[in-house]
Protein backbone atom coordinates (compact mmCIF):
# COMPACT_ATOMS: atom_id res chain seq x y z
CA UNK A 1 -3.73 13.76 -15.07
CA UNK A 2 -3.33 11.45 -18.05
CA UNK A 3 -3.61 8.03 -18.43
CA UNK A 4 0.11 8.15 -20.07
CA UNK A 5 0.85 9.01 -16.31
CA UNK A 6 0.15 5.54 -14.69
CA UNK A 7 3.58 3.96 -16.32
CA UNK A 8 4.59 1.65 -13.04
CA UNK A 9 3.39 -1.10 -11.94
CA UNK A 10 2.07 -2.18 -8.01
CA UNK A 11 0.88 -5.22 -6.74
CA UNK A 12 -1.65 -4.81 -3.61
CA UNK A 13 -1.44 -7.56 -1.07
CA UNK A 14 -3.46 -8.90 2.25
CA UNK A 15 -2.45 -10.19 5.36
CA UNK A 16 -3.43 -13.44 6.19
CA UNK A 17 -3.16 -15.91 9.26
CA UNK A 18 -4.04 -18.63 10.21
CA UNK A 19 -2.66 -20.90 13.54
CA UNK A 20 0.58 -21.98 14.40
CA UNK A 21 2.29 -25.17 16.97
CA UNK A 22 1.91 -23.15 19.15
CA UNK A 23 -1.92 -21.69 19.21
CA UNK A 24 -0.57 -18.41 18.21
CA UNK A 25 -0.92 -17.31 14.39
CA UNK A 26 1.36 -16.97 11.54
CA UNK A 27 1.05 -14.08 9.82
CA UNK A 28 1.52 -13.69 5.48
CA UNK A 29 0.90 -11.64 2.85
CA UNK A 30 -1.07 -12.36 -0.18
CA UNK A 31 -1.52 -11.04 -3.35
CA UNK A 32 -5.00 -9.61 -4.22
CA UNK A 33 -4.74 -7.72 -7.43
CA UNK A 34 -1.38 -8.06 -9.36
CA UNK A 35 0.11 -5.80 -12.52
CA UNK A 36 -2.00 -2.64 -11.30
CA UNK A 37 -0.57 0.42 -13.75
CA UNK A 38 -0.33 3.44 -11.48
CA UNK A 39 0.50 6.82 -10.72
CA UNK A 40 3.94 7.43 -8.21
CA UNK A 41 3.90 10.86 -6.70
CA UNK A 42 6.69 10.90 -4.04
CA UNK A 43 5.58 12.84 -0.71
CA UNK A 44 8.72 12.55 0.77
CA UNK A 45 9.52 11.92 4.80
CA UNK A 46 6.86 12.06 7.60
CA UNK A 47 7.54 11.55 11.31
CA UNK A 48 4.95 9.41 13.30
CA UNK A 49 5.45 8.35 16.88
CA UNK A 50 5.51 4.75 17.43
CA UNK A 51 6.36 3.39 20.71
CA UNK A 52 6.89 6.93 21.93
CA UNK A 53 9.39 7.66 19.74
CA UNK A 54 9.04 9.40 16.25
CA UNK A 55 10.47 7.50 13.33
CA UNK A 56 10.77 8.40 10.26
CA UNK A 57 8.80 6.95 7.06
CA UNK A 58 8.53 7.25 3.04
CA UNK A 59 5.29 7.88 1.90
CA UNK A 60 4.24 7.46 -0.98
CA UNK A 61 0.96 7.88 -3.36
CA UNK A 62 -0.43 5.62 -5.86
CA UNK A 63 -2.50 6.84 -8.28
CA UNK A 64 -4.35 3.65 -9.73
CA UNK A 65 -7.85 3.12 -12.38
CA UNK A 66 -10.61 2.81 -10.05
CA UNK A 67 -11.57 -0.46 -8.32
CA UNK A 68 -12.96 -1.97 -6.06
CA UNK A 69 -11.96 -4.10 -2.72
CA UNK A 70 -9.64 -2.75 -2.18
CA UNK A 71 -9.03 -1.17 1.98
CA UNK A 72 -6.88 0.80 3.90
CA UNK A 73 -5.96 -3.19 5.85
CA UNK A 74 -3.87 -4.36 2.72
CA UNK A 75 -0.15 -3.26 1.53
CA UNK A 76 1.28 -2.29 -1.39
CA UNK A 77 3.98 -3.55 -2.93
CA UNK A 78 6.50 -1.30 -5.38
CA UNK A 79 9.74 -2.00 -6.52
CA UNK A 80 10.01 -4.59 -3.47
CA UNK A 81 9.92 -2.48 -0.80
CA UNK A 82 5.48 -3.27 1.31
CA UNK A 83 3.63 -0.09 2.04
CA UNK A 84 1.08 0.37 3.90
CA UNK A 85 -1.96 1.50 2.65
CA UNK A 86 -2.89 4.34 5.70
CA UNK A 87 -5.79 6.37 3.57
CA UNK A 88 -7.87 5.33 -0.17
CA UNK A 89 -9.53 8.37 -1.62
CA UNK A 90 -11.96 7.42 -4.42
CA UNK A 91 -10.33 11.42 -6.44
CA UNK A 92 -13.67 12.40 -7.72
CA UNK A 93 -17.70 10.84 -6.56
CA UNK A 94 -17.34 9.13 -10.67
CA UNK A 95 -15.28 6.45 -9.40
CA UNK A 96 -12.35 7.11 -12.49
CA UNK A 97 -9.64 7.17 -10.09
CA UNK A 98 -8.20 5.76 -6.55
CA UNK A 99 -5.71 7.47 -4.72
CA UNK A 100 -3.87 5.38 -2.39
CA UNK A 101 -1.19 7.01 0.59
CA UNK A 102 0.76 4.35 1.89
CA UNK A 103 3.68 4.23 4.33
CA UNK A 104 6.73 2.47 3.60
CA UNK A 105 6.72 -0.35 5.92
CA UNK A 106 9.27 -1.11 8.86
CA UNK A 107 10.28 -4.25 7.37
CA UNK A 108 11.12 -2.72 3.97
CA UNK A 109 11.67 -5.10 1.60
CA UNK A 110 9.20 -8.01 0.17
CA UNK A 111 9.76 -10.75 2.43
């Protein structure tokens, strides 16, 4: 894989929670890293169990240059679609790249 394969831009987002007037919490996403070049590998669809039923979701791997601070609690924004990161793989032991495995958020598009 060459650096030229990373020709798509993605943003990394993190959910933030603030207390609302009804003593509950409101969630909003804040951008942590923007304009990261990535290779996007379409992994097709997969089925996951949600609420006792199977749901089909879109899955991608996003290969990026190594950076710190990205976790499974974050999201990827790519082409207007939000993907929940389900795995962060360091690829190798030399800290050259990260492979972010992510599935499309239920809502699908960015809000």
